[in-house]
N, C-alpha and C. Protein backbone atom coordinates (compact mmCIF):
# COMPACT_ATOMS: atom_id res chain seq x y z
N MET A 1 0.86 -1.18 0.00
CA MET A 1 0.00 0.00 0.00
C MET A 1 0.90 1.23 0.00
N GLN A 2 0.54 2.17 -0.83
CA GLN A 2 1.28 3.42 -0.92
C GLN A 2 0.40 4.53 -0.34
N THR A 3 0.97 5.38 0.48
CA THR A 3 0.24 6.52 1.03
C THR A 3 0.58 7.75 0.21
N ARG A 4 -0.45 8.41 -0.27
CA ARG A 4 -0.28 9.65 -1.04
C ARG A 4 -0.92 10.80 -0.28
N SER A 5 -0.21 11.90 -0.19
CA SER A 5 -0.79 13.11 0.38
C SER A 5 -1.21 14.01 -0.78
N MET A 6 -2.43 14.50 -0.71
CA MET A 6 -2.95 15.37 -1.76
C MET A 6 -3.60 16.58 -1.13
N ASP A 7 -3.28 17.75 -1.64
CA ASP A 7 -3.97 18.95 -1.21
C ASP A 7 -5.38 18.88 -1.77
N ILE A 8 -6.31 19.46 -1.09
CA ILE A 8 -7.71 19.40 -1.51
C ILE A 8 -7.88 19.93 -2.94
N LYS A 9 -7.00 20.84 -3.35
CA LYS A 9 -7.08 21.39 -4.70
C LYS A 9 -6.52 20.43 -5.76
N GLN A 10 -5.78 19.40 -5.34
CA GLN A 10 -5.18 18.44 -6.25
C GLN A 10 -6.04 17.19 -6.45
N LEU A 11 -7.14 17.08 -5.73
CA LEU A 11 -7.94 15.87 -5.81
C LEU A 11 -8.49 15.67 -7.22
N PRO A 12 -8.68 14.41 -7.61
CA PRO A 12 -9.28 14.15 -8.92
C PRO A 12 -10.66 14.80 -9.02
N PRO A 13 -11.11 15.08 -10.26
CA PRO A 13 -12.36 15.81 -10.44
C PRO A 13 -13.61 15.07 -9.99
N THR A 14 -13.57 13.74 -9.95
CA THR A 14 -14.76 13.01 -9.52
C THR A 14 -14.41 12.03 -8.40
N ILE A 15 -15.43 11.69 -7.64
CA ILE A 15 -15.23 10.72 -6.56
C ILE A 15 -14.85 9.36 -7.14
N ALA A 16 -15.34 9.03 -8.34
CA ALA A 16 -15.01 7.75 -8.96
C ALA A 16 -13.50 7.66 -9.22
N ASP A 17 -12.89 8.77 -9.64
CA ASP A 17 -11.44 8.77 -9.87
C ASP A 17 -10.68 8.56 -8.56
N LEU A 18 -11.16 9.18 -7.51
CA LEU A 18 -10.53 9.02 -6.20
C LEU A 18 -10.68 7.59 -5.70
N LEU A 19 -11.87 7.02 -5.87
CA LEU A 19 -12.11 5.65 -5.45
C LEU A 19 -11.28 4.65 -6.25
N ALA A 20 -11.00 4.97 -7.50
CA ALA A 20 -10.16 4.10 -8.32
C ALA A 20 -8.75 4.01 -7.72
N LEU A 21 -8.23 5.12 -7.23
CA LEU A 21 -6.92 5.10 -6.57
C LEU A 21 -6.96 4.23 -5.32
N ILE A 22 -8.02 4.37 -4.55
CA ILE A 22 -8.16 3.61 -3.31
C ILE A 22 -8.36 2.13 -3.60
N ALA A 23 -9.15 1.81 -4.62
CA ALA A 23 -9.38 0.42 -5.00
C ALA A 23 -8.08 -0.23 -5.46
N GLY A 24 -7.16 0.56 -5.98
CA GLY A 24 -5.86 0.05 -6.38
C GLY A 24 -4.93 -0.21 -5.20
N GLY A 25 -5.38 0.09 -4.00
CA GLY A 25 -4.59 -0.19 -2.80
C GLY A 25 -3.93 1.03 -2.19
N ASP A 26 -4.08 2.19 -2.80
CA ASP A 26 -3.45 3.40 -2.25
C ASP A 26 -4.27 3.96 -1.09
N GLU A 27 -3.56 4.56 -0.15
CA GLU A 27 -4.18 5.31 0.93
C GLU A 27 -4.00 6.78 0.59
N ILE A 28 -5.04 7.57 0.71
CA ILE A 28 -5.00 8.98 0.36
C ILE A 28 -5.16 9.81 1.62
N VAL A 29 -4.22 10.72 1.86
CA VAL A 29 -4.34 11.68 2.96
C VAL A 29 -4.68 13.02 2.32
N ILE A 30 -5.84 13.55 2.67
CA ILE A 30 -6.28 14.83 2.12
C ILE A 30 -5.82 15.94 3.05
N GLU A 31 -5.14 16.91 2.48
CA GLU A 31 -4.61 18.03 3.26
C GLU A 31 -5.28 19.33 2.84
N VAL A 32 -5.42 20.22 3.80
CA VAL A 32 -5.90 21.57 3.55
C VAL A 32 -4.87 22.51 4.15
N ASN A 33 -4.29 23.36 3.32
CA ASN A 33 -3.25 24.29 3.75
C ASN A 33 -2.09 23.57 4.45
N GLY A 34 -1.71 22.40 3.93
CA GLY A 34 -0.58 21.66 4.48
C GLY A 34 -0.87 20.85 5.73
N LYS A 35 -2.12 20.83 6.19
CA LYS A 35 -2.47 20.07 7.39
C LYS A 35 -3.39 18.91 7.01
N ALA A 36 -3.05 17.72 7.51
CA ALA A 36 -3.86 16.54 7.21
C ALA A 36 -5.27 16.72 7.78
N LEU A 37 -6.25 16.45 6.93
CA LEU A 37 -7.65 16.60 7.32
C LEU A 37 -8.36 15.24 7.39
N ALA A 38 -8.08 14.38 6.42
CA ALA A 38 -8.78 13.10 6.35
C ALA A 38 -7.86 12.05 5.73
N ARG A 39 -8.14 10.79 6.06
CA ARG A 39 -7.41 9.67 5.46
C ARG A 39 -8.44 8.73 4.86
N LEU A 40 -8.25 8.41 3.59
CA LEU A 40 -9.11 7.45 2.91
C LEU A 40 -8.27 6.22 2.59
N SER A 41 -8.74 5.06 3.00
CA SER A 41 -7.96 3.85 2.76
C SER A 41 -8.90 2.72 2.38
N PRO A 42 -8.37 1.73 1.66
CA PRO A 42 -9.21 0.60 1.27
C PRO A 42 -9.60 -0.23 2.47
N ILE A 43 -10.76 -0.85 2.40
CA ILE A 43 -11.21 -1.75 3.45
C ILE A 43 -10.61 -3.12 3.17
N PRO A 44 -9.90 -3.70 4.14
CA PRO A 44 -9.31 -5.02 3.91
C PRO A 44 -10.41 -6.05 3.62
N GLN A 45 -10.17 -6.87 2.64
CA GLN A 45 -11.14 -7.90 2.28
C GLN A 45 -10.86 -9.17 3.06
N GLN A 46 -11.94 -9.84 3.44
CA GLN A 46 -11.82 -11.10 4.17
C GLN A 46 -11.23 -12.14 3.23
N SER A 47 -10.09 -12.71 3.59
CA SER A 47 -9.44 -13.67 2.71
C SER A 47 -10.04 -15.07 2.83
N GLU A 48 -10.60 -15.39 3.97
CA GLU A 48 -11.19 -16.70 4.17
C GLU A 48 -12.69 -16.57 4.39
N GLN A 49 -13.40 -17.53 3.89
CA GLN A 49 -14.84 -17.54 4.09
C GLN A 49 -15.15 -18.08 5.49
N ARG A 50 -16.12 -17.49 6.15
CA ARG A 50 -16.48 -17.95 7.49
C ARG A 50 -17.23 -19.28 7.40
N ILE A 51 -17.05 -20.10 8.42
CA ILE A 51 -17.69 -21.41 8.45
C ILE A 51 -18.66 -21.42 9.62
N ALA A 52 -19.95 -21.56 9.32
CA ALA A 52 -20.97 -21.57 10.36
C ALA A 52 -20.79 -22.79 11.26
N GLY A 53 -20.87 -22.58 12.57
CA GLY A 53 -20.79 -23.67 13.52
C GLY A 53 -19.39 -24.16 13.82
N LEU A 54 -18.37 -23.48 13.32
CA LEU A 54 -17.00 -23.93 13.51
C LEU A 54 -16.61 -24.02 14.99
N HIS A 55 -17.05 -23.06 15.80
CA HIS A 55 -16.73 -23.05 17.23
C HIS A 55 -18.00 -23.25 18.07
N ASP A 56 -18.87 -24.09 17.59
CA ASP A 56 -20.14 -24.34 18.26
C ASP A 56 -19.92 -24.82 19.69
N GLY A 57 -20.64 -24.20 20.63
CA GLY A 57 -20.56 -24.61 22.02
C GLY A 57 -19.42 -23.98 22.81
N GLN A 58 -18.60 -23.15 22.19
CA GLN A 58 -17.46 -22.57 22.89
C GLN A 58 -17.77 -21.24 23.56
N GLY A 59 -18.93 -20.68 23.30
CA GLY A 59 -19.34 -19.43 23.95
C GLY A 59 -20.43 -19.72 24.96
N TRP A 60 -20.66 -18.79 25.85
CA TRP A 60 -21.73 -18.96 26.82
C TRP A 60 -22.33 -17.61 27.18
N VAL A 61 -23.54 -17.65 27.68
CA VAL A 61 -24.23 -16.44 28.13
C VAL A 61 -24.67 -16.67 29.57
N SER A 62 -24.35 -15.73 30.44
CA SER A 62 -24.70 -15.84 31.85
C SER A 62 -26.22 -15.89 32.00
N GLU A 63 -26.67 -16.61 33.01
CA GLU A 63 -28.11 -16.72 33.29
C GLU A 63 -28.75 -15.36 33.56
N ASP A 64 -27.97 -14.43 34.13
CA ASP A 64 -28.54 -13.12 34.50
C ASP A 64 -28.13 -12.01 33.53
N PHE A 65 -27.85 -12.36 32.28
CA PHE A 65 -27.34 -11.37 31.33
C PHE A 65 -28.31 -10.21 31.09
N ASP A 66 -29.60 -10.45 31.27
CA ASP A 66 -30.56 -9.38 31.01
C ASP A 66 -31.13 -8.75 32.28
N GLU A 67 -30.51 -9.04 33.42
CA GLU A 67 -30.94 -8.42 34.69
C GLU A 67 -30.46 -6.98 34.73
N PRO A 68 -31.21 -6.09 35.39
CA PRO A 68 -30.76 -4.70 35.50
C PRO A 68 -29.44 -4.61 36.28
N LEU A 69 -28.62 -3.66 35.89
CA LEU A 69 -27.36 -3.44 36.58
C LEU A 69 -27.61 -2.65 37.87
N PRO A 70 -26.79 -2.87 38.90
CA PRO A 70 -26.98 -2.15 40.16
C PRO A 70 -26.70 -0.66 40.01
N ASP A 71 -27.29 0.14 40.88
CA ASP A 71 -27.08 1.59 40.85
C ASP A 71 -25.61 1.95 40.98
N GLU A 72 -24.84 1.15 41.73
CA GLU A 72 -23.42 1.43 41.89
C GLU A 72 -22.69 1.42 40.54
N PHE A 73 -23.15 0.56 39.65
CA PHE A 73 -22.53 0.52 38.32
C PHE A 73 -22.72 1.85 37.59
N TRP A 74 -23.93 2.36 37.59
CA TRP A 74 -24.23 3.62 36.88
C TRP A 74 -23.59 4.81 37.54
N ALA A 75 -23.32 4.72 38.85
CA ALA A 75 -22.68 5.81 39.57
C ALA A 75 -21.16 5.74 39.47
N GLY A 76 -20.63 4.67 38.85
CA GLY A 76 -19.19 4.53 38.68
C GLY A 76 -18.47 4.04 39.92
N ARG A 77 -19.17 3.35 40.80
CA ARG A 77 -18.55 2.89 42.05
C ARG A 77 -18.29 1.40 42.07
N VAL A 78 -18.36 0.75 40.93
CA VAL A 78 -18.15 -0.71 40.92
C VAL A 78 -16.76 -1.01 40.44
C-alpha cells in the first residue's frame, strides 16, 4: 500500500477517480493548507470464508445477562 498526500485542490475531479486510486490499494491523505484533514484507505477484504458452527458450544451467556445493573454501576462505584 502506498500513502499519497494530496492537497484538496489536487484531488481528482470526480469521486469515482478518487475511489479508483483507493481500489488500487493506495491510501490517500487529504490536506488543507498543508495540514492533514482526512485519510481514505481501502477496506481489507476477508481472505477466508467464514464457516458456520466452527466453534459451536465454545461461547456462553450468563443466566442473568438481562438483569438490571446495580445503581453502583451507573454511579461509577463498581
